[in-house]
Amino acid sequence: MWAIYKRELKAYFYSPLAYVLTGIYTLALSLNFLLPIYGVVGPVRTLFGVVVYSFSMLLALILPILTMKVFADEKKNGTEVLLMTSPNSVPSIVMGKYLAAFTVYMLMIAVTGMYPIIIAITGKLNVASMLTSYIGYILMGAFFVAFGVFTSSLTENSIVSAVLGSLGLFLVWIVHNFLDVLTGRALNVAKWISFFERFRKFIYGIIGLRDFIFFFSLIGVFLALTMIVVEKKRWSQG
């Protein structure tokens, strides 16, 4: 697993994709941090959580692009047969690739460490809210990466993989935006499946065991589905 992890991580650093996506993400986040955000008015200590929440949809676009080549480009690069016939187990292949992409995502998050410092200098920083916001952001991003790895395993075209990943996450975002018009059981179901709604709890400092279980379950499910897809491809190669 670690050999695959190192190979994949090295590939990210030798490719301009990770740098371009990190640059776009940081620039967009910086501009919205400095400019008024959707007319929000409130204490400066709440600004960090508001910014990262408002940019959660951008993350849903960037991470599927980051992971689009994880499996989709193996055949084009001529490494699919070698990968599928290697002595590495399918779980080690999937986890190695997933952890490499997740590491790049964590580096993207590390860049945002400047914003709490700015808030602390210019106003009163709510440390607890900041920490829970980061925890929620990491969990949601970890799921987005897992979902992107899964969609990459479904196709041999990296562009199709990125589109599938972004569309899948965008559909849940649409459901989330209809929460105000739903009632009764429909509202409860929509809130349950909306990872954006669960992420919002973290921003307000609300940490619940159910939300951790929800995100870890989603990550586990999509990594397991990826393993099934890769295992099927391995059998077809054999």
C-alpha atoms as a PDB file:
ATOM      1  CA  MET A   1       0.000   0.000   0.000  1.00  0.00           C
ATOM      2  CA  TRP A   2       2.749   2.448   0.941  1.00  0.00           C
ATOM      3  CA  ALA A   3       4.615   1.856  -2.305  1.00  0.00           C
ATOM      4  CA  ILE A   4       1.474   2.800  -4.234  1.00  0.00           C
ATOM      5  CA  TYR A   5       0.883   5.747  -1.904  1.00  0.00           C
ATOM      6  CA  LYS A   6       4.392   7.089  -2.532  1.00  0.00           C
ATOM      7  CA  ARG A   7       4.082   6.582  -6.290  1.00  0.00           C
ATOM      8  CA  GLU A   8       0.733   8.372  -6.456  1.00  0.00           C
ATOM      9  CA  LEU A   9       1.851  11.219  -4.202  1.00  0.00           C
ATOM     10  CA  LYS A  10       4.976  11.686  -6.306  1.00  0.00           C
ATOM     11  CA  ALA A  11       2.805  11.796  -9.428  1.00  0.00           C
ATOM     12  CA  TYR A  12       0.720  14.600  -7.893  1.00  0.00           C
ATOM     13  CA  PHE A  13       3.811  16.664  -7.120  1.00  0.00           C
ATOM     14  CA  TYR A  14       5.233  16.138 -10.601  1.00  0.00           C
ATOM     15  CA  SER A  15       1.947  17.151 -12.228  1.00  0.00           C
ATOM     16  CA  PRO A  16       0.765  20.774 -12.472  1.00  0.00           C
ATOM     17  CA  LEU A  17      -2.817  19.724 -11.678  1.00  0.00           C
ATOM     18  CA  ALA A  18      -2.450  19.720  -7.896  1.00  0.00           C
ATOM     19  CA  TYR A  19      -0.657  23.078  -7.934  1.00  0.00           C
ATOM     20  CA  VAL A  20      -3.242  24.670 -10.244  1.00  0.00           C
ATOM     21  CA  LEU A  21      -6.187  23.430  -8.173  1.00  0.00           C
ATOM     22  CA  THR A  22      -4.551  24.544  -4.925  1.00  0.00           C
ATOM     23  CA  GLY A  23      -3.837  27.953  -6.449  1.00  0.00           C
ATOM     24  CA  ILE A  24      -7.412  28.404  -7.695  1.00  0.00           C
ATOM     25  CA  TYR A  25      -8.842  27.278  -4.371  1.00  0.00           C
ATOM     26  CA  THR A  26      -6.552  29.531  -2.312  1.00  0.00           C
ATOM     27  CA  LEU A  27      -7.121  32.568  -4.538  1.00  0.00           C
ATOM     28  CA  ALA A  28     -10.908  32.186  -4.517  1.00  0.00           C
ATOM     29  CA  LEU A  29     -10.969  31.610  -0.768  1.00  0.00           C
ATOM     30  CA  SER A  30      -8.719  34.612  -0.157  1.00  0.00           C
ATOM     31  CA  LEU A  31     -10.893  36.938  -2.239  1.00  0.00           C
ATOM     32  CA  ASN A  32     -14.050  35.842  -0.449  1.00  0.00           C
ATOM     33  CA  PHE A  33     -12.339  36.121   2.888  1.00  0.00           C
ATOM     34  CA  LEU A  34     -11.462  39.742   2.227  1.00  0.00           C
ATOM     35  CA  LEU A  35     -14.716  40.744   0.519  1.00  0.00           C
ATOM     36  CA  PRO A  36     -18.250  40.734   1.986  1.00  0.00           C
ATOM     37  CA  ILE A  37     -19.696  37.246   1.777  1.00  0.00           C
ATOM     38  CA  TYR A  38     -23.301  37.045   0.592  1.00  0.00           C
ATOM     39  CA  GLY A  39     -24.238  40.022   2.754  1.00  0.00           C
ATOM     40  CA  VAL A  40     -23.368  38.199   5.972  1.00  0.00           C
ATOM     41  CA  VAL A  41     -23.009  40.564   8.908  1.00  0.00           C
ATOM     42  CA  GLY A  42     -21.791  39.293  12.223  1.00  0.00           C
ATOM     43  CA  PRO A  43     -18.875  39.036  14.621  1.00  0.00           C
ATOM     44  CA  VAL A  44     -15.515  38.624  12.936  1.00  0.00           C
ATOM     45  CA  ARG A  45     -14.945  35.422  14.893  1.00  0.00           C
ATOM     46  CA  THR A  46     -17.688  33.690  12.844  1.00  0.00           C
ATOM     47  CA  LEU A  47     -16.191  34.726   9.515  1.00  0.00           C
ATOM     48  CA  PHE A  48     -13.895  31.729   9.071  1.00  0.00           C
ATOM     49  CA  GLY A  49     -16.710  29.192   9.377  1.00  0.00           C
ATOM     50  CA  VAL A  50     -18.933  31.196   7.040  1.00  0.00           C
ATOM     51  CA  VAL A  51     -16.211  31.344   4.394  1.00  0.00           C
ATOM     52  CA  VAL A  52     -15.404  27.643   4.390  1.00  0.00           C
ATOM     53  CA  TYR A  53     -19.097  26.750   4.385  1.00  0.00           C
ATOM     54  CA  SER A  54     -19.841  29.039   1.446  1.00  0.00           C
ATOM     55  CA  PHE A  55     -16.962  27.404  -0.436  1.00  0.00           C
ATOM     56  CA  SER A  56     -17.957  23.805   0.236  1.00  0.00           C
ATOM     57  CA  MET A  57     -19.500  23.610  -3.244  1.00  0.00           C
ATOM     58  CA  LEU A  58     -16.238  24.776  -4.808  1.00  0.00           C
ATOM     59  CA  LEU A  59     -14.573  21.913  -2.978  1.00  0.00           C
ATOM     60  CA  ALA A  60     -17.142  19.569  -4.520  1.00  0.00           C
ATOM     61  CA  LEU A  61     -15.915  20.710  -7.942  1.00  0.00           C
ATOM     62  CA  ILE A  62     -12.174  20.735  -7.228  1.00  0.00           C
ATOM     63  CA  LEU A  63     -11.755  17.358  -5.515  1.00  0.00           C
ATOM     64  CA  PRO A  64     -13.396  15.269  -8.288  1.00  0.00           C
ATOM     65  CA  ILE A  65     -10.951  16.973 -10.673  1.00  0.00           C
ATOM     66  CA  LEU A  66      -8.066  16.160  -8.328  1.00  0.00           C
ATOM     67  CA  THR A  67      -9.045  12.470  -8.255  1.00  0.00           C
ATOM     68  CA  MET A  68     -10.223  12.096 -11.853  1.00  0.00           C
ATOM     69  CA  LYS A  69      -7.007  10.388 -13.033  1.00  0.00           C
ATOM     70  CA  VAL A  70      -6.601   8.027 -10.070  1.00  0.00           C
ATOM     71  CA  PHE A  71      -7.900   4.996 -11.981  1.00  0.00           C
ATOM     72  CA  ALA A  72      -9.258   6.461 -15.220  1.00  0.00           C
ATOM     73  CA  ASP A  73      -5.817   7.186 -16.694  1.00  0.00           C
ATOM     74  CA  GLU A  74      -4.240   3.812 -15.901  1.00  0.00           C
ATOM     75  CA  LYS A  75      -5.193   2.322 -19.270  1.00  0.00           C
ATOM     76  CA  LYS A  76      -4.127   5.422 -21.225  1.00  0.00           C
ATOM     77  CA  ASN A  77      -0.766   5.399 -19.459  1.00  0.00           C
ATOM     78  CA  GLY A  78      -0.320   1.699 -20.173  1.00  0.00           C
ATOM     79  CA  THR A  79      -0.119   0.803 -16.480  1.00  0.00           C
ATOM     80  CA  GLU A  80      -3.532  -0.813 -16.014  1.00  0.00           C
ATOM     81  CA  VAL A  81      -2.371  -4.375 -16.721  1.00  0.00           C
ATOM     82  CA  LEU A  82       0.673  -3.968 -14.474  1.00  0.00           C
ATOM     83  CA  LEU A  83      -1.503  -2.590 -11.681  1.00  0.00           C
ATOM     84  CA  MET A  84      -4.162  -5.261 -11.988  1.00  0.00           C
ATOM     85  CA  THR A  85      -1.665  -8.132 -12.104  1.00  0.00           C
ATOM     86  CA  SER A  86       0.617  -6.819  -9.363  1.00  0.00           C
ATOM     87  CA  PRO A  87       1.010  -8.764  -6.100  1.00  0.00           C
ATOM     88  CA  ASN A  88      -0.602  -5.873  -4.222  1.00  0.00           C
ATOM     89  CA  SER A  89      -4.074  -6.616  -2.924  1.00  0.00           C
ATOM     90  CA  VAL A  90      -7.029  -4.625  -4.199  1.00  0.00           C
ATOM     91  CA  PRO A  91      -7.605  -2.933  -0.801  1.00  0.00           C
ATOM     92  CA  SER A  92      -3.947  -1.836  -0.708  1.00  0.00           C
ATOM     93  CA  ILE A  93      -4.202  -0.421  -4.241  1.00  0.00           C
ATOM     94  CA  VAL A  94      -7.373   1.527  -3.467  1.00  0.00           C
ATOM     95  CA  MET A  95      -6.192   2.751  -0.065  1.00  0.00           C
ATOM     96  CA  GLY A  96      -2.793   3.788  -1.431  1.00  0.00           C
ATOM     97  CA  LYS A  97      -4.401   5.901  -4.133  1.00  0.00           C
ATOM     98  CA  TYR A  98      -7.022   7.295  -1.758  1.00  0.00           C
ATOM     99  CA  LEU A  99      -4.510   8.312   0.911  1.00  0.00           C
ATOM    100  CA  ALA A 100      -2.300  10.035  -1.670  1.00  0.00           C
ATOM    101  CA  ALA A 101      -5.215  12.165  -2.900  1.00  0.00           C
ATOM    102  CA  PHE A 102      -6.307  12.828   0.688  1.00  0.00           C
ATOM    103  CA  THR A 103      -2.779  13.984   1.554  1.00  0.00           C
ATOM    104  CA  VAL A 104      -2.918  16.562  -1.240  1.00  0.00           C
ATOM    105  CA  TYR A 105      -6.282  17.727   0.104  1.00  0.00           C
ATOM    106  CA  MET A 106      -4.795  18.125   3.589  1.00  0.00           C
ATOM    107  CA  LEU A 107      -2.024  20.265   2.121  1.00  0.00           C
ATOM    108  CA  MET A 108      -4.705  22.461   0.543  1.00  0.00           C
ATOM    109  CA  ILE A 109      -6.340  22.838   3.950  1.00  0.00           C
ATOM    110  CA  ALA A 110      -2.994  23.676   5.549  1.00  0.00           C
ATOM    111  CA  VAL A 111      -2.779  26.753   3.319  1.00  0.00           C
ATOM    112  CA  THR A 112      -5.962  28.095   4.945  1.00  0.00           C
ATOM    113  CA  GLY A 113      -4.175  28.236   8.305  1.00  0.00           C
ATOM    114  CA  MET A 114      -3.413  31.900   7.619  1.00  0.00           C
ATOM    115  CA  TYR A 115      -7.077  32.896   7.963  1.00  0.00           C
ATOM    116  CA  PRO A 116      -7.569  32.082  11.662  1.00  0.00           C
ATOM    117  CA  ILE A 117      -4.357  34.022  12.319  1.00  0.00           C
ATOM    118  CA  ILE A 118      -5.782  37.052  10.486  1.00  0.00           C
ATOM    119  CA  ILE A 119      -9.019  36.771  12.463  1.00  0.00           C
ATOM    120  CA  ALA A 120      -7.080  36.544  15.730  1.00  0.00           C
ATOM    121  CA  ILE A 121      -5.190  39.720  14.818  1.00  0.00           C
ATOM    122  CA  THR A 122      -8.191  41.726  13.602  1.00  0.00           C
ATOM    123  CA  GLY A 123     -10.794  40.493  16.045  1.00  0.00           C
ATOM    124  CA  LYS A 124     -11.723  37.872  18.589  1.00  0.00           C
ATOM    125  CA  LEU A 125     -11.120  34.326  17.377  1.00  0.00           C
ATOM    126  CA  ASN A 126     -13.516  31.637  18.555  1.00  0.00           C
ATOM    127  CA  VAL A 127     -10.983  28.826  18.820  1.00  0.00           C
ATOM    128  CA  ALA A 128     -13.549  26.100  19.531  1.00  0.00           C
ATOM    129  CA  SER A 129     -15.640  27.046  16.491  1.00  0.00           C
ATOM    130  CA  MET A 130     -12.516  27.208  14.330  1.00  0.00           C
ATOM    131  CA  LEU A 131     -11.401  23.731  15.394  1.00  0.00           C
ATOM    132  CA  THR A 132     -14.808  22.159  14.824  1.00  0.00           C
ATOM    133  CA  SER A 133     -15.019  23.891  11.431  1.00  0.00           C
ATOM    134  CA  TYR A 134     -11.696  22.334  10.452  1.00  0.00           C
ATOM    135  CA  ILE A 135     -12.803  18.900  11.682  1.00  0.00           C
ATOM    136  CA  GLY A 136     -15.994  19.114   9.636  1.00  0.00           C
ATOM    137  CA  TYR A 137     -14.096  20.376   6.604  1.00  0.00           C
ATOM    138  CA  ILE A 138     -11.623  17.503   6.793  1.00  0.00           C
ATOM    139  CA  LEU A 139     -14.398  14.916   7.147  1.00  0.00           C
ATOM    140  CA  MET A 140     -16.423  16.302   4.256  1.00  0.00           C
ATOM    141  CA  GLY A 141     -13.347  16.563   2.047  1.00  0.00           C
ATOM    142  CA  ALA A 142     -12.335  13.005   2.939  1.00  0.00           C
ATOM    143  CA  PHE A 143     -15.726  11.860   1.674  1.00  0.00           C
ATOM    144  CA  PHE A 144     -15.443  13.953  -1.502  1.00  0.00           C
ATOM    145  CA  VAL A 145     -12.064  12.331  -2.211  1.00  0.00           C
ATOM    146  CA  ALA A 146     -13.504   8.842  -1.647  1.00  0.00           C
ATOM    147  CA  PHE A 147     -16.403   9.627  -3.976  1.00  0.00           C
ATOM    148  CA  GLY A 148     -14.006  10.985  -6.605  1.00  0.00           C
ATOM    149  CA  VAL A 149     -11.828   7.864  -6.412  1.00  0.00           C
ATOM    150  CA  PHE A 150     -14.959   5.750  -6.902  1.00  0.00           C
ATOM    151  CA  THR A 151     -16.125   7.653  -9.990  1.00  0.00           C
ATOM    152  CA  SER A 152     -12.597   7.425 -11.412  1.00  0.00           C
ATOM    153  CA  SER A 153     -12.770   3.632 -11.137  1.00  0.00           C
ATOM    154  CA  LEU A 154     -15.965   3.551 -13.219  1.00  0.00           C
ATOM    155  CA  THR A 155     -14.539   4.990 -16.431  1.00  0.00           C
ATOM    156  CA  GLU A 156     -11.421   5.125 -18.583  1.00  0.00           C
ATOM    157  CA  ASN A 157     -11.945   8.829 -19.308  1.00  0.00           C
ATOM    158  CA  SER A 158     -10.701  11.261 -16.665  1.00  0.00           C
ATOM    159  CA  ILE A 159     -13.020  14.051 -17.850  1.00  0.00           C
ATOM    160  CA  VAL A 160     -16.036  11.765 -17.494  1.00  0.00           C
ATOM    161  CA  SER A 161     -14.809  10.851 -14.017  1.00  0.00           C
ATOM    162  CA  ALA A 162     -14.620  14.519 -12.978  1.00  0.00           C
ATOM    163  CA  VAL A 163     -18.080  15.244 -14.392  1.00  0.00           C
ATOM    164  CA  LEU A 164     -19.639  12.219 -12.673  1.00  0.00           C
ATOM    165  CA  GLY A 165     -18.047  13.147  -9.356  1.00  0.00           C
ATOM    166  CA  SER A 166     -19.099  16.785  -9.479  1.00  0.00           C
ATOM    167  CA  LEU A 167     -22.636  15.992 -10.656  1.00  0.00           C
ATOM    168  CA  GLY A 168     -23.151  13.438  -7.901  1.00  0.00           C
ATOM    169  CA  LEU A 169     -22.129  15.915  -5.210  1.00  0.00           C
ATOM    170  CA  PHE A 170     -24.052  18.728  -6.906  1.00  0.00           C
ATOM    171  CA  LEU A 171     -27.291  16.707  -6.725  1.00  0.00           C
ATOM    172  CA  VAL A 172     -26.999  16.496  -2.939  1.00  0.00           C
ATOM    173  CA  TRP A 173     -26.266  20.228  -2.858  1.00  0.00           C
ATOM    174  CA  ILE A 174     -29.537  20.827  -4.758  1.00  0.00           C
ATOM    175  CA  VAL A 175     -31.428  18.736  -2.203  1.00  0.00           C
ATOM    176  CA  HIS A 176     -29.781  20.747   0.582  1.00  0.00           C
ATOM    177  CA  ASN A 177     -30.990  24.019  -0.943  1.00  0.00           C
ATOM    178  CA  PHE A 178     -34.585  22.790  -0.920  1.00  0.00           C
ATOM    179  CA  LEU A 179     -34.604  22.130   2.827  1.00  0.00           C
ATOM    180  CA  ASP A 180     -36.553  25.325   3.507  1.00  0.00           C
ATOM    181  CA  VAL A 181     -39.488  24.219   1.345  1.00  0.00           C
ATOM    182  CA  LEU A 182     -39.685  20.638   2.622  1.00  0.00           C
ATOM    183  CA  THR A 183     -41.718  19.467   5.585  1.00  0.00           C
ATOM    184  CA  GLY A 184     -42.322  16.339   7.611  1.00  0.00           C
ATOM    185  CA  ARG A 185     -40.666  13.096   6.587  1.00  0.00           C
ATOM    186  CA  ALA A 186     -39.267  14.550   3.362  1.00  0.00           C
ATOM    187  CA  LEU A 187     -37.431  17.211   5.384  1.00  0.00           C
ATOM    188  CA  ASN A 188     -36.009  14.622   7.786  1.00  0.00           C
ATOM    189  CA  VAL A 189     -34.744  12.453   4.920  1.00  0.00           C
ATOM    190  CA  ALA A 190     -33.224  15.442   3.103  1.00  0.00           C
ATOM    191  CA  LYS A 191     -31.440  16.588   6.261  1.00  0.00           C
ATOM    192  CA  TRP A 192     -30.146  13.073   6.866  1.00  0.00           C
ATOM    193  CA  ILE A 193     -28.563  12.694   3.413  1.00  0.00           C
ATOM    194  CA  SER A 194     -27.284  16.283   3.197  1.00  0.00           C
ATOM    195  CA  PHE A 195     -23.601  16.277   4.137  1.00  0.00           C
ATOM    196  CA  PHE A 196     -23.693  20.090   3.733  1.00  0.00           C
ATOM    197  CA  GLU A 197     -26.261  20.286   6.530  1.00  0.00           C
ATOM    198  CA  ARG A 198     -24.102  18.079   8.743  1.00  0.00           C
ATOM    199  CA  PHE A 199     -21.045  20.189   7.945  1.00  0.00           C
ATOM    200  CA  ARG A 200     -22.938  23.305   9.032  1.00  0.00           C
ATOM    201  CA  LYS A 201     -23.273  21.831  12.522  1.00  0.00           C
ATOM    202  CA  PHE A 202     -19.495  21.681  12.837  1.00  0.00           C
ATOM    203  CA  ILE A 203     -19.241  25.356  11.871  1.00  0.00           C
ATOM    204  CA  TYR A 204     -21.472  26.286  14.801  1.00  0.00           C
ATOM    205  CA  GLY A 205     -19.430  24.145  17.171  1.00  0.00           C
ATOM    206  CA  ILE A 206     -21.912  21.273  17.309  1.00  0.00           C
ATOM    207  CA  ILE A 207     -20.128  17.911  17.273  1.00  0.00           C
ATOM    208  CA  GLY A 208     -22.253  14.780  17.338  1.00  0.00           C
ATOM    209  CA  LEU A 209     -21.237  11.124  17.178  1.00  0.00           C
ATOM    210  CA  ARG A 210     -23.880  10.517  14.499  1.00  0.00           C
ATOM    211  CA  ASP A 211     -22.220  13.023  12.189  1.00  0.00           C
ATOM    212  CA  PHE A 212     -18.841  11.303  12.569  1.00  0.00           C
ATOM    213  CA  ILE A 213     -20.461   7.933  11.892  1.00  0.00           C
ATOM    214  CA  PHE A 214     -22.243   9.401   8.865  1.00  0.00           C
ATOM    215  CA  PHE A 215     -19.067  10.691   7.207  1.00  0.00           C
ATOM    216  CA  PHE A 216     -16.945   7.645   8.055  1.00  0.00           C
ATOM    217  CA  SER A 217     -19.716   5.380   6.763  1.00  0.00           C
ATOM    218  CA  LEU A 218     -19.877   7.264   3.459  1.00  0.00           C
ATOM    219  CA  ILE A 219     -16.103   7.088   3.097  1.00  0.00           C
ATOM    220  CA  GLY A 220     -16.135   3.361   3.855  1.00  0.00           C
ATOM    221  CA  VAL A 221     -19.010   2.643   1.477  1.00  0.00           C
ATOM    222  CA  PHE A 222     -17.450   4.373  -1.520  1.00  0.00           C
ATOM    223  CA  LEU A 223     -14.005   2.918  -0.894  1.00  0.00           C
ATOM    224  CA  ALA A 224     -15.611  -0.529  -0.643  1.00  0.00           C
ATOM    225  CA  LEU A 225     -17.498   0.074  -3.904  1.00  0.00           C
ATOM    226  CA  THR A 226     -14.216   1.129  -5.522  1.00  0.00           C
ATOM    227  CA  MET A 227     -12.601  -2.102  -4.360  1.00  0.00           C
ATOM    228  CA  ILE A 228     -15.447  -4.094  -5.890  1.00  0.00           C
ATOM    229  CA  VAL A 229     -15.036  -2.315  -9.235  1.00  0.00           C
ATOM    230  CA  VAL A 230     -11.253  -2.771  -9.232  1.00  0.00           C
ATOM    231  CA  GLU A 231     -11.576  -6.426  -8.200  1.00  0.00           C
ATOM    232  CA  LYS A 232     -13.924  -7.006 -11.118  1.00  0.00           C
ATOM    233  CA  LYS A 233     -11.385  -5.424 -13.489  1.00  0.00           C
ATOM    234  CA  ARG A 234      -8.630  -7.569 -12.007  1.00  0.00           C
ATOM    235  CA  TRP A 235     -10.632 -10.728 -12.671  1.00  0.00           C
ATOM    236  CA  SER A 236     -11.252  -9.615 -16.250  1.00  0.00           C
ATOM    237  CA  GLN A 237      -7.492  -9.132 -16.715  1.00  0.00           C
ATOM    238  CA  GLY A 238      -6.868 -12.611 -15.413  1.00  0.00           C
END
